[in-house]
Amino acid sequence: MDLPSGYGPDTEIDDEGMDPVWKQLAAILLARIEAEVYPAGRAIPSLTQLLQEFGVSRGTVLKATGYLEDAGFLRAVQGRGVFVLPKQ
């Protein structure tokens, strides 16, 4: 997994940081999954909630969640949300 290290569940997005914003967001979401802020089997906050919390674009959220979906941490269910998968 090619995400930057040093991001925790409470880290904020740094627009001036060295890492792309979508990777920062993906790292923060992954930290929240690992800390069970977002437990397995439960949905993460909605796209709208993530947009408001992090102040990023829709594309940034979709890229971050898509990356975590491809890596096997999340699963999108059309019309229901994006859910955390159990640890493998």
N, C-alpha and C. Protein backbone atom coordinates (compact mmCIF):
# COMPACT_ATOMS: atom_id res chain seq x y z
N MET A 1 0.86 -1.17 0.00
CA MET A 1 0.00 0.00 0.00
C MET A 1 0.90 1.23 0.00
N ASP A 2 0.61 2.13 -0.87
CA ASP A 2 1.47 3.30 -1.08
C ASP A 2 0.86 4.57 -0.47
N LEU A 3 0.59 4.52 0.85
CA LEU A 3 0.05 5.70 1.53
C LEU A 3 1.13 6.29 2.43
N PRO A 4 1.10 7.60 2.60
CA PRO A 4 2.08 8.23 3.48
C PRO A 4 1.85 7.82 4.94
N SER A 5 2.92 7.79 5.71
CA SER A 5 2.80 7.44 7.13
C SER A 5 2.65 8.69 7.98
N GLY A 6 2.33 8.50 9.23
CA GLY A 6 2.25 9.61 10.16
C GLY A 6 0.88 10.27 10.26
N TYR A 7 -0.12 9.67 9.63
CA TYR A 7 -1.47 10.23 9.69
C TYR A 7 -2.28 9.42 10.69
N GLY A 8 -2.94 10.12 11.61
CA GLY A 8 -3.76 9.47 12.61
C GLY A 8 -5.23 9.77 12.38
N PRO A 9 -6.09 9.20 13.21
CA PRO A 9 -7.53 9.41 13.04
C PRO A 9 -7.96 10.87 13.16
N ASP A 10 -7.19 11.67 13.88
CA ASP A 10 -7.57 13.07 14.11
C ASP A 10 -6.76 14.07 13.28
N THR A 11 -5.95 13.57 12.37
CA THR A 11 -5.13 14.44 11.54
C THR A 11 -6.01 15.27 10.61
N GLU A 12 -5.60 16.49 10.36
CA GLU A 12 -6.31 17.35 9.42
C GLU A 12 -5.58 17.36 8.08
N ILE A 13 -6.30 17.66 7.02
CA ILE A 13 -5.73 17.78 5.69
C ILE A 13 -4.84 19.02 5.64
N ASP A 14 -3.65 18.86 5.07
CA ASP A 14 -2.72 19.97 4.92
C ASP A 14 -2.60 20.29 3.43
N ASP A 15 -3.29 21.34 3.00
CA ASP A 15 -3.29 21.72 1.58
C ASP A 15 -1.89 22.05 1.07
N GLU A 16 -1.01 22.46 1.96
CA GLU A 16 0.36 22.84 1.58
C GLU A 16 1.34 21.69 1.79
N GLY A 17 0.84 20.53 2.21
CA GLY A 17 1.70 19.39 2.52
C GLY A 17 2.35 18.78 1.30
N MET A 18 3.31 17.92 1.57
CA MET A 18 4.06 17.24 0.51
C MET A 18 3.23 16.15 -0.17
N ASP A 19 2.29 15.56 0.58
CA ASP A 19 1.49 14.46 0.05
C ASP A 19 0.24 14.97 -0.64
N PRO A 20 -0.17 14.32 -1.75
CA PRO A 20 -1.42 14.72 -2.41
C PRO A 20 -2.59 14.63 -1.42
N VAL A 21 -3.55 15.52 -1.57
CA VAL A 21 -4.67 15.59 -0.64
C VAL A 21 -5.43 14.27 -0.59
N TRP A 22 -5.64 13.61 -1.72
CA TRP A 22 -6.39 12.36 -1.71
C TRP A 22 -5.64 11.29 -0.92
N LYS A 23 -4.30 11.28 -0.98
CA LYS A 23 -3.54 10.30 -0.21
C LYS A 23 -3.59 10.62 1.28
N GLN A 24 -3.58 11.91 1.62
CA GLN A 24 -3.74 12.30 3.02
C GLN A 24 -5.09 11.80 3.55
N LEU A 25 -6.14 12.03 2.77
CA LEU A 25 -7.48 11.61 3.17
C LEU A 25 -7.56 10.10 3.30
N ALA A 26 -7.01 9.38 2.34
CA ALA A 26 -7.02 7.92 2.40
C ALA A 26 -6.28 7.43 3.65
N ALA A 27 -5.14 8.05 3.97
CA ALA A 27 -4.37 7.66 5.15
C ALA A 27 -5.16 7.94 6.44
N ILE A 28 -5.87 9.06 6.49
CA ILE A 28 -6.68 9.39 7.66
C ILE A 28 -7.84 8.40 7.80
N LEU A 29 -8.51 8.10 6.70
CA LEU A 29 -9.61 7.14 6.75
C LEU A 29 -9.11 5.76 7.17
N LEU A 30 -7.95 5.35 6.65
CA LEU A 30 -7.38 4.06 7.03
C LEU A 30 -7.03 4.05 8.52
N ALA A 31 -6.48 5.14 9.02
CA ALA A 31 -6.17 5.23 10.45
C ALA A 31 -7.45 5.09 11.28
N ARG A 32 -8.53 5.66 10.81
CA ARG A 32 -9.81 5.55 11.53
C ARG A 32 -10.35 4.12 11.48
N ILE A 33 -10.15 3.45 10.35
CA ILE A 33 -10.56 2.05 10.24
C ILE A 33 -9.74 1.20 11.20
N GLU A 34 -8.42 1.40 11.20
CA GLU A 34 -7.55 0.60 12.07
C GLU A 34 -7.81 0.88 13.55
N ALA A 35 -8.20 2.10 13.89
CA ALA A 35 -8.52 2.45 15.29
C ALA A 35 -9.96 2.09 15.64
N GLU A 36 -10.68 1.52 14.69
CA GLU A 36 -12.08 1.13 14.84
C GLU A 36 -13.00 2.30 15.16
N VAL A 37 -12.59 3.50 14.74
CA VAL A 37 -13.52 4.63 14.74
C VAL A 37 -14.64 4.29 13.75
N TYR A 38 -14.22 3.66 12.65
CA TYR A 38 -15.15 3.10 11.67
C TYR A 38 -15.00 1.58 11.77
N PRO A 39 -15.86 0.90 12.53
CA PRO A 39 -15.71 -0.54 12.73
C PRO A 39 -16.14 -1.36 11.51
N ALA A 40 -15.62 -2.57 11.43
CA ALA A 40 -15.96 -3.49 10.34
C ALA A 40 -17.46 -3.71 10.30
N GLY A 41 -17.99 -3.73 9.10
CA GLY A 41 -19.40 -3.97 8.89
C GLY A 41 -20.27 -2.72 8.94
N ARG A 42 -19.69 -1.61 9.36
CA ARG A 42 -20.44 -0.36 9.46
C ARG A 42 -20.06 0.56 8.31
N ALA A 43 -20.94 1.47 7.98
CA ALA A 43 -20.68 2.43 6.91
C ALA A 43 -19.80 3.56 7.44
N ILE A 44 -18.94 4.07 6.58
CA ILE A 44 -18.20 5.27 6.91
C ILE A 44 -19.15 6.45 6.67
N PRO A 45 -18.80 7.65 7.11
CA PRO A 45 -19.68 8.80 6.84
C PRO A 45 -19.94 8.96 5.34
N SER A 46 -21.05 9.57 5.04
CA SER A 46 -21.46 9.77 3.65
C SER A 46 -20.49 10.70 2.92
N LEU A 47 -20.59 10.69 1.62
CA LEU A 47 -19.78 11.58 0.79
C LEU A 47 -19.96 13.02 1.23
N THR A 48 -21.20 13.43 1.44
CA THR A 48 -21.48 14.81 1.88
C THR A 48 -20.83 15.12 3.22
N GLN A 49 -20.92 14.18 4.16
CA GLN A 49 -20.30 14.40 5.48
C GLN A 49 -18.78 14.52 5.37
N LEU A 50 -18.16 13.69 4.54
CA LEU A 50 -16.70 13.75 4.37
C LEU A 50 -16.30 15.06 3.67
N LEU A 51 -17.09 15.49 2.70
CA LEU A 51 -16.82 16.76 2.03
C LEU A 51 -16.83 17.91 3.04
N GLN A 52 -17.82 17.91 3.90
CA GLN A 52 -17.94 18.97 4.90
C GLN A 52 -16.83 18.90 5.94
N GLU A 53 -16.53 17.70 6.42
CA GLU A 53 -15.52 17.56 7.47
C GLU A 53 -14.13 17.96 6.99
N PHE A 54 -13.76 17.54 5.78
CA PHE A 54 -12.39 17.75 5.32
C PHE A 54 -12.23 18.94 4.38
N GLY A 55 -13.32 19.48 3.88
CA GLY A 55 -13.24 20.63 2.99
C GLY A 55 -12.51 20.35 1.70
N VAL A 56 -12.74 19.15 1.16
CA VAL A 56 -12.10 18.75 -0.10
C VAL A 56 -13.17 18.56 -1.17
N SER A 57 -12.73 18.30 -2.38
CA SER A 57 -13.68 18.12 -3.47
C SER A 57 -14.26 16.71 -3.49
N ARG A 58 -15.36 16.58 -4.19
CA ARG A 58 -16.01 15.28 -4.37
C ARG A 58 -15.04 14.27 -5.00
N GLY A 59 -14.30 14.72 -6.00
CA GLY A 59 -13.33 13.85 -6.67
C GLY A 59 -12.25 13.34 -5.72
N THR A 60 -11.83 14.20 -4.80
CA THR A 60 -10.81 13.80 -3.82
C THR A 60 -11.34 12.69 -2.91
N VAL A 61 -12.57 12.85 -2.42
CA VAL A 61 -13.16 11.82 -1.57
C VAL A 61 -13.33 10.52 -2.34
N LEU A 62 -13.82 10.61 -3.57
CA LEU A 62 -14.03 9.41 -4.38
C LEU A 62 -12.72 8.71 -4.70
N LYS A 63 -11.66 9.47 -4.94
CA LYS A 63 -10.36 8.86 -5.23
C LYS A 63 -9.82 8.16 -3.98
N ALA A 64 -9.93 8.81 -2.82
CA ALA A 64 -9.44 8.22 -1.57
C ALA A 64 -10.22 6.95 -1.21
N THR A 65 -11.55 7.01 -1.27
CA THR A 65 -12.35 5.84 -0.92
C THR A 65 -12.19 4.73 -1.97
N GLY A 66 -12.05 5.11 -3.23
CA GLY A 66 -11.82 4.13 -4.28
C GLY A 66 -10.50 3.40 -4.09
N TYR A 67 -9.48 4.13 -3.68
CA TYR A 67 -8.17 3.52 -3.40
C TYR A 67 -8.30 2.50 -2.26
N LEU A 68 -9.00 2.88 -1.19
CA LEU A 68 -9.17 1.97 -0.06
C LEU A 68 -10.07 0.78 -0.43
N GLU A 69 -10.99 1.01 -1.35
CA GLU A 69 -11.82 -0.10 -1.84
C GLU A 69 -10.96 -1.07 -2.64
N ASP A 70 -10.13 -0.56 -3.52
CA ASP A 70 -9.25 -1.42 -4.31
C ASP A 70 -8.27 -2.20 -3.43
N ALA A 71 -7.89 -1.60 -2.30
CA ALA A 71 -6.95 -2.24 -1.38
C ALA A 71 -7.64 -3.23 -0.43
N GLY A 72 -8.97 -3.33 -0.51
CA GLY A 72 -9.68 -4.31 0.29
C GLY A 72 -10.11 -3.86 1.67
N PHE A 73 -10.15 -2.56 1.92
CA PHE A 73 -10.58 -2.05 3.22
C PHE A 73 -12.04 -1.60 3.22
N LEU A 74 -12.55 -1.21 2.07
CA LEU A 74 -13.91 -0.69 1.95
C LEU A 74 -14.64 -1.40 0.82
N ARG A 75 -15.98 -1.34 0.91
CA ARG A 75 -16.80 -1.85 -0.19
C ARG A 75 -17.99 -0.92 -0.35
N ALA A 76 -18.16 -0.41 -1.55
CA ALA A 76 -19.29 0.47 -1.85
C ALA A 76 -20.50 -0.39 -2.24
N VAL A 77 -21.64 -0.06 -1.65
CA VAL A 77 -22.89 -0.74 -1.96
C VAL A 77 -23.83 0.32 -2.50
N GLN A 78 -24.16 0.20 -3.77
CA GLN A 78 -24.97 1.22 -4.43
C GLN A 78 -26.26 1.46 -3.67
N GLY A 79 -26.53 2.73 -3.40
CA GLY A 79 -27.74 3.13 -2.72
C GLY A 79 -27.72 2.97 -1.20
N ARG A 80 -26.63 2.39 -0.65
CA ARG A 80 -26.56 2.16 0.79
C ARG A 80 -25.39 2.85 1.46
N GLY A 81 -24.25 2.94 0.78
CA GLY A 81 -23.09 3.58 1.37
C GLY A 81 -21.82 2.81 1.13
N VAL A 82 -20.78 3.23 1.83
CA VAL A 82 -19.46 2.59 1.73
C VAL A 82 -19.18 1.96 3.08
N PHE A 83 -18.92 0.65 3.08
CA PHE A 83 -18.80 -0.11 4.30
C PHE A 83 -17.37 -0.60 4.52
N VAL A 84 -17.00 -0.69 5.80
CA VAL A 84 -15.69 -1.20 6.19
C VAL A 84 -15.75 -2.72 6.14
N LEU A 85 -14.77 -3.30 5.45
CA LEU A 85 -14.70 -4.76 5.37
C LEU A 85 -13.96 -5.31 6.59
N PRO A 86 -14.29 -6.56 7.00
CA PRO A 86 -13.56 -7.17 8.11
C PRO A 86 -12.08 -7.31 7.77
N LYS A 87 -11.24 -7.28 8.80
CA LYS A 87 -9.80 -7.45 8.60
C LYS A 87 -9.53 -8.83 8.03
N GLN A 88 -8.57 -8.88 7.12
CA GLN A 88 -8.26 -10.18 6.47
C GLN A 88 -7.08 -10.83 7.11
